[in-house]
């Protein structure tokens, strides 16, 4: 059912990150968000972060505290336009879809100070951690992937 209020639901940023390959400290996989029509493939951490940022801009949530600026005219800044937010997939994807190497569920709650704050859940190990920056989130993912086959990194906490 489409959202007619123009206000996105609070879980609109909840995104499934399926890591299918991990080579030379670089990740490759798929992003799945119920408010997107199809999974989005990514090649590397910068591509993943860029696609997630573009998704948040399209959904207009969470609102960025800084606007994009550039000296070139290649990219035009997007303005906030509340509109219809439509769900294309059921929440069951968070239980059914898995990456070949690892699966994370990321929920960005804020975009402040030109970075993200939110929660990351390592679905395979049922561990969860809050992050205060995009870099911290990426570091948690890298720690999890680097520790595959060994003891879980102590920075990850058990889910409640």
C-alpha atoms as a PDB file:
ATOM      1  CA  UNK A   1       0.000   0.000   0.000  1.00  0.00           C
ATOM      2  CA  UNK A   2       1.533   3.367  -0.970  1.00  0.00           C
ATOM      3  CA  UNK A   3       2.290   5.976   1.621  1.00  0.00           C
ATOM      4  CA  UNK A   4       0.120   9.015   0.904  1.00  0.00           C
ATOM      5  CA  UNK A   5       1.302  11.193   3.794  1.00  0.00           C
ATOM      6  CA  UNK A   6       4.588  12.125   2.132  1.00  0.00           C
ATOM      7  CA  UNK A   7       6.416  11.038   5.292  1.00  0.00           C
ATOM      8  CA  UNK A   8       8.608   7.974   4.809  1.00  0.00           C
ATOM      9  CA  UNK A   9       8.230   5.139   7.350  1.00  0.00           C
ATOM     10  CA  UNK A  10      10.979   4.933   9.976  1.00  0.00           C
ATOM     11  CA  UNK A  11      12.346   1.655   8.588  1.00  0.00           C
ATOM     12  CA  UNK A  12      12.732   2.953   5.028  1.00  0.00           C
ATOM     13  CA  UNK A  13      16.548   2.964   5.313  1.00  0.00           C
ATOM     14  CA  UNK A  14      16.749  -0.619   6.573  1.00  0.00           C
ATOM     15  CA  UNK A  15      18.922  -2.200   3.893  1.00  0.00           C
ATOM     16  CA  UNK A  16      20.177  -5.749   3.455  1.00  0.00           C
ATOM     17  CA  UNK A  17      23.832  -5.920   2.423  1.00  0.00           C
ATOM     18  CA  UNK A  18      24.678  -9.331   0.957  1.00  0.00           C
ATOM     19  CA  UNK A  19      28.445  -9.801   0.592  1.00  0.00           C
ATOM     20  CA  UNK A  20      29.080 -12.390  -2.117  1.00  0.00           C
ATOM     21  CA  UNK A  21      32.832 -11.866  -2.582  1.00  0.00           C
ATOM     22  CA  UNK A  22      35.614 -10.555  -0.353  1.00  0.00           C
ATOM     23  CA  UNK A  23      38.940 -10.173  -2.174  1.00  0.00           C
ATOM     24  CA  UNK A  24      41.972  -8.082  -1.217  1.00  0.00           C
ATOM     25  CA  UNK A  25      39.961  -6.350   1.541  1.00  0.00           C
ATOM     26  CA  UNK A  26      37.320  -5.289  -0.994  1.00  0.00           C
ATOM     27  CA  UNK A  27      33.661  -6.318  -0.913  1.00  0.00           C
ATOM     28  CA  UNK A  28      31.316  -7.214  -3.766  1.00  0.00           C
ATOM     29  CA  UNK A  29      27.646  -8.008  -3.457  1.00  0.00           C
ATOM     30  CA  UNK A  30      24.063  -6.761  -3.480  1.00  0.00           C
ATOM     31  CA  UNK A  31      22.024  -4.132  -1.674  1.00  0.00           C
ATOM     32  CA  UNK A  32      18.377  -4.983  -1.102  1.00  0.00           C
ATOM     33  CA  UNK A  33      15.889  -2.439   0.188  1.00  0.00           C
ATOM     34  CA  UNK A  34      12.125  -3.143   0.231  1.00  0.00           C
ATOM     35  CA  UNK A  35      11.476   0.338  -1.196  1.00  0.00           C
ATOM     36  CA  UNK A  36      13.566  -0.354  -4.333  1.00  0.00           C
ATOM     37  CA  UNK A  37      12.230  -2.397  -7.249  1.00  0.00           C
ATOM     38  CA  UNK A  38      15.277  -4.652  -7.595  1.00  0.00           C
ATOM     39  CA  UNK A  39      18.542  -5.512  -5.814  1.00  0.00           C
ATOM     40  CA  UNK A  40      21.452  -3.185  -6.569  1.00  0.00           C
ATOM     41  CA  UNK A  41      24.840  -4.781  -7.313  1.00  0.00           C
ATOM     42  CA  UNK A  42      27.921  -3.047  -5.935  1.00  0.00           C
ATOM     43  CA  UNK A  43      31.631  -3.430  -6.647  1.00  0.00           C
ATOM     44  CA  UNK A  44      33.597  -2.190  -3.686  1.00  0.00           C
ATOM     45  CA  UNK A  45      32.908  -0.313  -0.509  1.00  0.00           C
ATOM     46  CA  UNK A  46      32.811   3.114  -2.180  1.00  0.00           C
ATOM     47  CA  UNK A  47      30.233   1.909  -4.698  1.00  0.00           C
ATOM     48  CA  UNK A  48      28.162   0.415  -1.857  1.00  0.00           C
ATOM     49  CA  UNK A  49      28.254   3.637   0.183  1.00  0.00           C
ATOM     50  CA  UNK A  50      27.520   5.768  -2.889  1.00  0.00           C
ATOM     51  CA  UNK A  51      24.506   3.672  -3.852  1.00  0.00           C
ATOM     52  CA  UNK A  52      23.166   3.770  -0.295  1.00  0.00           C
ATOM     53  CA  UNK A  53      23.622   7.550  -0.167  1.00  0.00           C
ATOM     54  CA  UNK A  54      21.765   7.896  -3.490  1.00  0.00           C
ATOM     55  CA  UNK A  55      18.987   5.667  -2.118  1.00  0.00           C
ATOM     56  CA  UNK A  56      18.611   7.886   0.961  1.00  0.00           C
ATOM     57  CA  UNK A  57      18.474  10.949  -1.297  1.00  0.00           C
ATOM     58  CA  UNK A  58      15.756   9.351  -3.459  1.00  0.00           C
ATOM     59  CA  UNK A  59      13.749   8.386  -0.378  1.00  0.00           C
ATOM     60  CA  UNK A  60      14.428  11.812   1.172  1.00  0.00           C
ATOM     61  CA  UNK A  61      15.195  10.062   4.461  1.00  0.00           C
ATOM     62  CA  UNK A  62      17.071  10.520   6.651  1.00  0.00           C
ATOM     63  CA  UNK A  63      17.586  14.120   5.719  1.00  0.00           C
ATOM     64  CA  UNK A  64      21.233  15.025   5.147  1.00  0.00           C
ATOM     65  CA  UNK A  65      22.583  17.812   7.320  1.00  0.00           C
ATOM     66  CA  UNK A  66      24.892  18.910   4.471  1.00  0.00           C
ATOM     67  CA  UNK A  67      23.965  19.484   0.829  1.00  0.00           C
ATOM     68  CA  UNK A  68      26.088  18.284  -2.081  1.00  0.00           C
ATOM     69  CA  UNK A  69      28.260  21.025  -3.557  1.00  0.00           C
ATOM     70  CA  UNK A  70      30.602  20.902  -6.514  1.00  0.00           C
ATOM     71  CA  UNK A  71      32.665  23.177  -8.727  1.00  0.00           C
ATOM     72  CA  UNK A  72      31.493  21.260 -11.792  1.00  0.00           C
ATOM     73  CA  UNK A  73      27.972  20.960 -13.123  1.00  0.00           C
ATOM     74  CA  UNK A  74      28.165  17.153 -13.481  1.00  0.00           C
ATOM     75  CA  UNK A  75      25.878  16.459 -10.551  1.00  0.00           C
ATOM     76  CA  UNK A  76      22.980  18.638  -9.590  1.00  0.00           C
ATOM     77  CA  UNK A  77      22.053  18.713  -5.913  1.00  0.00           C
ATOM     78  CA  UNK A  78      18.757  17.043  -5.169  1.00  0.00           C
ATOM     79  CA  UNK A  79      16.277  18.960  -3.130  1.00  0.00           C
ATOM     80  CA  UNK A  80      13.943  17.423  -0.597  1.00  0.00           C
ATOM     81  CA  UNK A  81      10.651  16.572  -2.233  1.00  0.00           C
ATOM     82  CA  UNK A  82       8.354  14.520  -0.058  1.00  0.00           C
ATOM     83  CA  UNK A  83       6.356  12.188  -2.202  1.00  0.00           C
ATOM     84  CA  UNK A  84       4.964   8.742  -2.449  1.00  0.00           C
ATOM     85  CA  UNK A  85       7.148   6.080  -0.877  1.00  0.00           C
ATOM     86  CA  UNK A  86       6.250   2.685  -2.243  1.00  0.00           C
ATOM     87  CA  UNK A  87       7.181  -0.737  -0.870  1.00  0.00           C
ATOM     88  CA  UNK A  88       8.142  -3.235  -3.589  1.00  0.00           C
ATOM     89  CA  UNK A  89       9.269  -6.152  -1.403  1.00  0.00           C
ATOM     90  CA  UNK A  90       8.066  -7.782   1.790  1.00  0.00           C
ATOM     91  CA  UNK A  91      10.073  -7.628   5.034  1.00  0.00           C
ATOM     92  CA  UNK A  92      10.631 -11.403   4.751  1.00  0.00           C
ATOM     93  CA  UNK A  93      13.629 -10.666   2.508  1.00  0.00           C
ATOM     94  CA  UNK A  94      15.595  -9.816   5.664  1.00  0.00           C
ATOM     95  CA  UNK A  95      15.188 -13.437   6.767  1.00  0.00           C
ATOM     96  CA  UNK A  96      15.431 -15.225   3.407  1.00  0.00           C
ATOM     97  CA  UNK A  97      18.194 -13.475   1.436  1.00  0.00           C
ATOM     98  CA  UNK A  98      21.824 -14.180   2.333  1.00  0.00           C
ATOM     99  CA  UNK A  99      25.220 -13.304   0.925  1.00  0.00           C
ATOM    100  CA  UNK A 100      27.745 -16.033   0.116  1.00  0.00           C
ATOM    101  CA  UNK A 101      30.337 -14.585   2.535  1.00  0.00           C
ATOM    102  CA  UNK A 102      28.310 -12.481   4.986  1.00  0.00           C
ATOM    103  CA  UNK A 103      25.019 -10.661   5.440  1.00  0.00           C
ATOM    104  CA  UNK A 104      24.468  -7.354   7.228  1.00  0.00           C
ATOM    105  CA  UNK A 105      21.306  -5.390   7.921  1.00  0.00           C
ATOM    106  CA  UNK A 106      22.089  -1.688   8.075  1.00  0.00           C
ATOM    107  CA  UNK A 107      19.658   0.919   9.331  1.00  0.00           C
ATOM    108  CA  UNK A 108      20.856   4.492   8.978  1.00  0.00           C
ATOM    109  CA  UNK A 109      18.970   6.718  11.402  1.00  0.00           C
ATOM    110  CA  UNK A 110      20.756  10.033  10.881  1.00  0.00           C
ATOM    111  CA  UNK A 111      22.961  11.731   8.298  1.00  0.00           C
ATOM    112  CA  UNK A 112      24.708  14.354  10.379  1.00  0.00           C
ATOM    113  CA  UNK A 113      28.163  15.918  10.176  1.00  0.00           C
ATOM    114  CA  UNK A 114      28.522  14.644   6.583  1.00  0.00           C
ATOM    115  CA  UNK A 115      28.373  10.992   7.696  1.00  0.00           C
ATOM    116  CA  UNK A 116      25.923   8.322   8.856  1.00  0.00           C
ATOM    117  CA  UNK A 117      24.811   7.144  12.284  1.00  0.00           C
ATOM    118  CA  UNK A 118      22.786   4.003  12.865  1.00  0.00           C
ATOM    119  CA  UNK A 119      22.813   0.291  13.582  1.00  0.00           C
ATOM    120  CA  UNK A 120      24.462  -2.617  11.807  1.00  0.00           C
ATOM    121  CA  UNK A 121      23.407  -6.207  12.414  1.00  0.00           C
ATOM    122  CA  UNK A 122      25.620  -9.103  11.364  1.00  0.00           C
ATOM    123  CA  UNK A 123      22.760 -11.447  10.462  1.00  0.00           C
ATOM    124  CA  UNK A 124      24.871 -14.615  10.140  1.00  0.00           C
ATOM    125  CA  UNK A 125      26.252 -14.389  13.688  1.00  0.00           C
ATOM    126  CA  UNK A 126      23.311 -12.564  15.303  1.00  0.00           C
ATOM    127  CA  UNK A 127      25.560  -9.710  16.441  1.00  0.00           C
ATOM    128  CA  UNK A 128      24.638  -6.038  16.483  1.00  0.00           C
ATOM    129  CA  UNK A 129      26.521  -2.773  16.906  1.00  0.00           C
ATOM    130  CA  UNK A 130      25.752   0.925  16.720  1.00  0.00           C
ATOM    131  CA  UNK A 131      27.983   3.074  14.535  1.00  0.00           C
ATOM    132  CA  UNK A 132      28.644   6.816  14.662  1.00  0.00           C
ATOM    133  CA  UNK A 133      30.147   7.223  11.211  1.00  0.00           C
ATOM    134  CA  UNK A 134      30.225   5.586   7.807  1.00  0.00           C
ATOM    135  CA  UNK A 135      33.891   4.754   8.372  1.00  0.00           C
ATOM    136  CA  UNK A 136      33.079   3.007  11.658  1.00  0.00           C
ATOM    137  CA  UNK A 137      30.338   0.989   9.900  1.00  0.00           C
ATOM    138  CA  UNK A 138      32.777  -0.059   7.152  1.00  0.00           C
ATOM    139  CA  UNK A 139      35.388  -0.987   9.780  1.00  0.00           C
ATOM    140  CA  UNK A 140      32.843  -3.214  11.564  1.00  0.00           C
ATOM    141  CA  UNK A 141      32.049  -4.957   8.277  1.00  0.00           C
ATOM    142  CA  UNK A 142      35.745  -5.413   7.506  1.00  0.00           C
ATOM    143  CA  UNK A 143      36.421  -6.771  11.014  1.00  0.00           C
ATOM    144  CA  UNK A 144      33.587  -9.266  10.580  1.00  0.00           C
ATOM    145  CA  UNK A 145      34.816 -10.385   7.152  1.00  0.00           C
ATOM    146  CA  UNK A 146      38.455 -10.516   8.228  1.00  0.00           C
ATOM    147  CA  UNK A 147      37.489 -12.729  11.139  1.00  0.00           C
ATOM    148  CA  UNK A 148      35.601 -15.317   9.100  1.00  0.00           C
ATOM    149  CA  UNK A 149      36.408 -18.747  10.457  1.00  0.00           C
ATOM    150  CA  UNK A 150      37.820 -17.351  13.694  1.00  0.00           C
ATOM    151  CA  UNK A 151      36.398 -16.031  16.926  1.00  0.00           C
ATOM    152  CA  UNK A 152      33.965 -13.126  16.599  1.00  0.00           C
ATOM    153  CA  UNK A 153      35.563  -9.716  17.020  1.00  0.00           C
ATOM    154  CA  UNK A 154      34.960  -8.308  20.520  1.00  0.00           C
ATOM    155  CA  UNK A 155      33.614  -5.022  19.080  1.00  0.00           C
ATOM    156  CA  UNK A 156      30.433  -6.875  18.057  1.00  0.00           C
ATOM    157  CA  UNK A 157      27.746  -7.366  20.712  1.00  0.00           C
ATOM    158  CA  UNK A 158      25.178 -10.155  20.933  1.00  0.00           C
ATOM    159  CA  UNK A 159      21.651  -9.215  19.861  1.00  0.00           C
ATOM    160  CA  UNK A 160      19.198  -8.585  22.668  1.00  0.00           C
END
